[in-house]
Amino acid sequence: MTFLLRLLFLVFIFYLVRHLVKVLAPGLVSHPGTSPPDRGNTGTMVKHGTMEKDPVCGTYVDVATSLKLTSGGETRYFCSGECRDKFQREARP
């Protein structure tokens, strides 16, 4: 009987900890039937917009809030003014 009570208690603690992890850190627990997000593609949809890769430092930035530079008919997005300025300096012949 003691064994069953201990086992029941451990199962309860397991589910309690799992629930707390799901609430406090929802990205850590995967849900059955879903695949992890593809982090390698540009244009990945996010909560507040679309993400694009900064061509200088490689950081993904939200196109709605990032710095933009359009040249040659192509728009590039930057995480900071420093990355944008470095791109402009390196792009000049």
N, C-alpha and C. Protein backbone atom coordinates (compact mmCIF):
# COMPACT_ATOMS: atom_id res chain seq x y z
N MET A 1 0.82 -1.20 0.00
CA MET A 1 0.00 0.00 0.00
C MET A 1 0.86 1.26 0.00
N THR A 2 1.93 1.23 0.80
CA THR A 2 2.84 2.37 0.86
C THR A 2 3.47 2.62 -0.51
N PHE A 3 3.84 1.54 -1.20
CA PHE A 3 4.42 1.66 -2.53
C PHE A 3 3.47 2.37 -3.49
N LEU A 4 2.21 2.01 -3.48
CA LEU A 4 1.23 2.63 -4.37
C LEU A 4 1.04 4.11 -4.05
N LEU A 5 1.04 4.46 -2.79
CA LEU A 5 0.91 5.88 -2.41
C LEU A 5 2.12 6.69 -2.87
N ARG A 6 3.31 6.11 -2.72
CA ARG A 6 4.52 6.80 -3.19
C ARG A 6 4.50 6.96 -4.71
N LEU A 7 4.10 5.91 -5.40
CA LEU A 7 4.01 5.98 -6.85
C LEU A 7 2.99 7.03 -7.29
N LEU A 8 1.85 7.05 -6.67
CA LEU A 8 0.82 8.05 -6.97
C LEU A 8 1.33 9.46 -6.70
N PHE A 9 2.04 9.63 -5.61
CA PHE A 9 2.62 10.93 -5.26
C PHE A 9 3.64 11.36 -6.31
N LEU A 10 4.51 10.46 -6.76
CA LEU A 10 5.51 10.79 -7.78
C LEU A 10 4.85 11.16 -9.11
N VAL A 11 3.82 10.44 -9.48
CA VAL A 11 3.09 10.76 -10.72
C VAL A 11 2.46 12.14 -10.61
N PHE A 12 1.88 12.45 -9.46
CA PHE A 12 1.28 13.77 -9.23
C PHE A 12 2.34 14.87 -9.34
N ILE A 13 3.49 14.67 -8.72
CA ILE A 13 4.58 15.67 -8.78
C ILE A 13 5.05 15.84 -10.23
N PHE A 14 5.18 14.74 -10.97
CA PHE A 14 5.60 14.82 -12.37
C PHE A 14 4.65 15.71 -13.18
N TYR A 15 3.35 15.46 -13.07
CA TYR A 15 2.39 16.24 -13.82
C TYR A 15 2.33 17.69 -13.35
N LEU A 16 2.54 17.93 -12.08
CA LEU A 16 2.57 19.29 -11.57
C LEU A 16 3.76 20.07 -12.13
N VAL A 17 4.94 19.45 -12.12
CA VAL A 17 6.13 20.09 -12.68
C VAL A 17 5.96 20.32 -14.18
N ARG A 18 5.43 19.34 -14.87
CA ARG A 18 5.22 19.47 -16.32
C ARG A 18 4.27 20.63 -16.63
N HIS A 19 3.21 20.75 -15.86
CA HIS A 19 2.26 21.84 -16.05
C HIS A 19 2.92 23.19 -15.80
N LEU A 20 3.73 23.28 -14.74
CA LEU A 20 4.41 24.53 -14.45
C LEU A 20 5.39 24.92 -15.57
N VAL A 21 6.09 23.94 -16.13
CA VAL A 21 7.00 24.21 -17.24
C VAL A 21 6.23 24.69 -18.45
N LYS A 22 5.08 24.07 -18.74
CA LYS A 22 4.27 24.50 -19.89
C LYS A 22 3.77 25.92 -19.71
N VAL A 23 3.44 26.31 -18.48
CA VAL A 23 2.93 27.65 -18.23
C VAL A 23 4.05 28.68 -18.25
N LEU A 24 5.17 28.38 -17.61
CA LEU A 24 6.25 29.35 -17.48
C LEU A 24 7.16 29.41 -18.70
N ALA A 25 7.31 28.33 -19.42
CA ALA A 25 8.18 28.29 -20.60
C ALA A 25 7.51 27.46 -21.69
N PRO A 26 6.49 28.01 -22.36
CA PRO A 26 5.72 27.22 -23.32
C PRO A 26 6.51 26.69 -24.51
N GLY A 27 7.62 27.31 -24.88
CA GLY A 27 8.40 26.84 -26.02
C GLY A 27 9.22 25.60 -25.74
N LEU A 28 9.39 25.23 -24.46
CA LEU A 28 10.21 24.08 -24.12
C LEU A 28 9.49 22.75 -24.27
N VAL A 29 8.18 22.77 -24.17
CA VAL A 29 7.40 21.54 -24.22
C VAL A 29 6.79 21.41 -25.61
N SER A 30 7.09 20.32 -26.29
CA SER A 30 6.52 20.11 -27.61
C SER A 30 5.15 19.45 -27.46
N HIS A 31 4.28 19.74 -28.38
CA HIS A 31 2.95 19.18 -28.36
C HIS A 31 2.87 18.05 -29.39
N PRO A 32 2.21 16.96 -29.06
CA PRO A 32 2.12 15.83 -29.99
C PRO A 32 1.47 16.25 -31.30
N GLY A 33 2.02 15.76 -32.40
CA GLY A 33 1.44 16.04 -33.71
C GLY A 33 1.90 17.34 -34.34
N THR A 34 2.80 18.07 -33.66
CA THR A 34 3.31 19.32 -34.24
C THR A 34 4.80 19.17 -34.46
N SER A 35 5.30 19.89 -35.43
CA SER A 35 6.73 19.87 -35.69
C SER A 35 7.32 21.19 -35.22
N PRO A 36 8.60 21.20 -34.88
CA PRO A 36 9.21 22.44 -34.43
C PRO A 36 9.26 23.45 -35.57
N PRO A 37 9.27 24.75 -35.26
CA PRO A 37 9.30 25.75 -36.32
C PRO A 37 10.61 25.68 -37.10
N ASP A 38 10.53 26.00 -38.38
CA ASP A 38 11.70 26.02 -39.25
C ASP A 38 12.37 27.38 -39.08
N ARG A 39 13.51 27.41 -38.42
CA ARG A 39 14.17 28.67 -38.12
C ARG A 39 15.15 29.10 -39.22
N GLY A 40 15.32 28.28 -40.25
CA GLY A 40 16.29 28.61 -41.28
C GLY A 40 15.73 29.43 -42.42
N ASN A 41 14.45 29.51 -42.60
CA ASN A 41 13.87 30.21 -43.74
C ASN A 41 13.68 31.68 -43.44
N THR A 42 13.92 32.52 -44.46
CA THR A 42 13.55 33.92 -44.31
C THR A 42 12.07 34.01 -44.61
N GLY A 43 11.44 35.03 -44.13
CA GLY A 43 10.01 35.19 -44.35
C GLY A 43 9.17 34.37 -43.40
N THR A 44 9.75 33.87 -42.34
CA THR A 44 9.01 33.09 -41.36
C THR A 44 8.02 33.99 -40.64
N MET A 45 6.78 33.53 -40.53
CA MET A 45 5.77 34.33 -39.84
C MET A 45 6.00 34.28 -38.35
N VAL A 46 5.87 35.42 -37.71
CA VAL A 46 5.98 35.53 -36.27
C VAL A 46 4.74 36.20 -35.74
N LYS A 47 4.68 36.34 -34.44
CA LYS A 47 3.50 36.89 -33.80
C LYS A 47 3.14 38.28 -34.33
N HIS A 48 4.13 39.13 -34.56
CA HIS A 48 3.85 40.52 -34.93
C HIS A 48 4.25 40.87 -36.36
N GLY A 49 4.59 39.92 -37.18
CA GLY A 49 4.97 40.26 -38.55
C GLY A 49 5.80 39.17 -39.19
N THR A 50 6.65 39.59 -40.12
CA THR A 50 7.50 38.67 -40.86
C THR A 50 8.95 38.93 -40.49
N MET A 51 9.73 37.86 -40.39
CA MET A 51 11.14 37.98 -40.03
C MET A 51 12.00 37.87 -41.29
N GLU A 52 13.03 38.70 -41.35
CA GLU A 52 14.03 38.63 -42.40
C GLU A 52 15.41 38.65 -41.76
N LYS A 53 16.38 38.09 -42.47
CA LYS A 53 17.74 38.00 -41.94
C LYS A 53 18.54 39.24 -42.28
N ASP A 54 19.17 39.83 -41.27
CA ASP A 54 20.07 40.96 -41.47
C ASP A 54 21.26 40.45 -42.28
N PRO A 55 21.57 41.06 -43.45
CA PRO A 55 22.65 40.53 -44.29
C PRO A 55 24.05 40.74 -43.71
N VAL A 56 24.19 41.58 -42.70
CA VAL A 56 25.50 41.84 -42.13
C VAL A 56 25.81 40.90 -40.97
N CYS A 57 24.94 40.87 -39.97
CA CYS A 57 25.24 40.09 -38.75
C CYS A 57 24.46 38.78 -38.67
N GLY A 58 23.45 38.60 -39.52
CA GLY A 58 22.70 37.35 -39.53
C GLY A 58 21.55 37.27 -38.55
N THR A 59 21.29 38.35 -37.82
CA THR A 59 20.19 38.37 -36.87
C THR A 59 18.87 38.45 -37.63
N TYR A 60 17.86 37.73 -37.16
CA TYR A 60 16.54 37.83 -37.76
C TYR A 60 15.80 39.00 -37.12
N VAL A 61 15.24 39.86 -37.96
CA VAL A 61 14.55 41.05 -37.48
C VAL A 61 13.13 41.09 -38.03
N ASP A 62 12.24 41.72 -37.29
CA ASP A 62 10.85 41.89 -37.70
C ASP A 62 10.81 43.01 -38.74
N VAL A 63 10.28 42.75 -39.92
CA VAL A 63 10.27 43.75 -40.99
C VAL A 63 9.43 44.96 -40.63
N ALA A 64 8.47 44.80 -39.74
CA ALA A 64 7.61 45.92 -39.37
C ALA A 64 8.34 46.93 -38.49
N THR A 65 9.37 46.51 -37.78
CA THR A 65 10.03 47.40 -36.83
C THR A 65 11.51 47.62 -37.12
N SER A 66 12.07 47.01 -38.15
CA SER A 66 13.50 47.10 -38.40
C SER A 66 13.83 48.25 -39.34
N LEU A 67 15.13 48.56 -39.43
CA LEU A 67 15.61 49.56 -40.38
C LEU A 67 15.64 48.93 -41.76
N LYS A 68 15.29 49.72 -42.78
CA LYS A 68 15.20 49.20 -44.15
C LYS A 68 16.13 49.97 -45.07
N LEU A 69 16.60 49.28 -46.08
CA LEU A 69 17.39 49.91 -47.13
C LEU A 69 17.01 49.24 -48.44
N THR A 70 16.56 50.05 -49.40
CA THR A 70 16.18 49.52 -50.70
C THR A 70 17.22 49.96 -51.72
N SER A 71 17.81 48.98 -52.40
CA SER A 71 18.79 49.27 -53.46
C SER A 71 18.67 48.20 -54.53
N GLY A 72 18.69 48.63 -55.76
CA GLY A 72 18.59 47.70 -56.87
C GLY A 72 17.26 46.96 -56.91
N GLY A 73 16.21 47.59 -56.42
CA GLY A 73 14.90 46.97 -56.41
C GLY A 73 14.70 45.94 -55.32
N GLU A 74 15.69 45.78 -54.44
CA GLU A 74 15.59 44.79 -53.36
C GLU A 74 15.65 45.51 -52.01
N THR A 75 14.73 45.17 -51.13
CA THR A 75 14.71 45.76 -49.79
C THR A 75 15.42 44.83 -48.83
N ARG A 76 16.33 45.39 -48.06
CA ARG A 76 17.04 44.63 -47.03
C ARG A 76 16.70 45.23 -45.68
N TYR A 77 16.70 44.38 -44.65
CA TYR A 77 16.29 44.79 -43.32
C TYR A 77 17.46 44.60 -42.36
N PHE A 78 17.62 45.57 -41.44
CA PHE A 78 18.78 45.59 -40.55
C PHE A 78 18.35 45.72 -39.10
N CYS A 79 19.18 45.13 -38.22
CA CYS A 79 18.89 45.19 -36.78
C CYS A 79 19.32 46.51 -36.17
N SER A 80 20.27 47.20 -36.81
CA SER A 80 20.77 48.45 -36.25
C SER A 80 21.30 49.36 -37.35
N GLY A 81 21.51 50.61 -36.98
CA GLY A 81 22.10 51.56 -37.92
C GLY A 81 23.52 51.19 -38.28
N GLU A 82 24.25 50.57 -37.33
CA GLU A 82 25.63 50.16 -37.61
C GLU A 82 25.68 49.10 -38.71
N CYS A 83 24.76 48.12 -38.63
CA CYS A 83 24.73 47.07 -39.67
C CYS A 83 24.34 47.67 -41.02
N ARG A 84 23.36 48.58 -41.03
CA ARG A 84 22.95 49.22 -42.28
C ARG A 84 24.11 50.01 -42.88
N ASP A 85 24.81 50.79 -42.04
CA ASP A 85 25.93 51.61 -42.53
C ASP A 85 27.08 50.74 -43.04
N LYS A 86 27.37 49.65 -42.33
CA LYS A 86 28.42 48.74 -42.77
C LYS A 86 28.06 48.11 -44.11
N PHE A 87 26.80 47.74 -44.29
CA PHE A 87 26.35 47.17 -45.57
C PHE A 87 26.53 48.19 -46.69
N GLN A 88 26.16 49.44 -46.43
CA GLN A 88 26.31 50.48 -47.45
C GLN A 88 27.78 50.71 -47.80
N ARG A 89 28.66 50.72 -46.81
CA ARG A 89 30.10 50.92 -47.06
C ARG A 89 30.66 49.78 -47.89
N GLU A 90 30.29 48.55 -47.57
CA GLU A 90 30.83 47.38 -48.27
C GLU A 90 30.23 47.19 -49.64
N ALA A 91 29.04 47.75 -49.88
CA ALA A 91 28.38 47.57 -51.17
C ALA A 91 28.94 48.52 -52.23
N ARG A 92 29.58 49.58 -51.78
CA ARG A 92 30.15 50.54 -52.76
C ARG A 92 31.44 49.97 -53.36
N PRO A 93 31.62 50.15 -54.68
CA PRO A 93 32.84 49.63 -55.32
C PRO A 93 34.07 50.42 -54.98
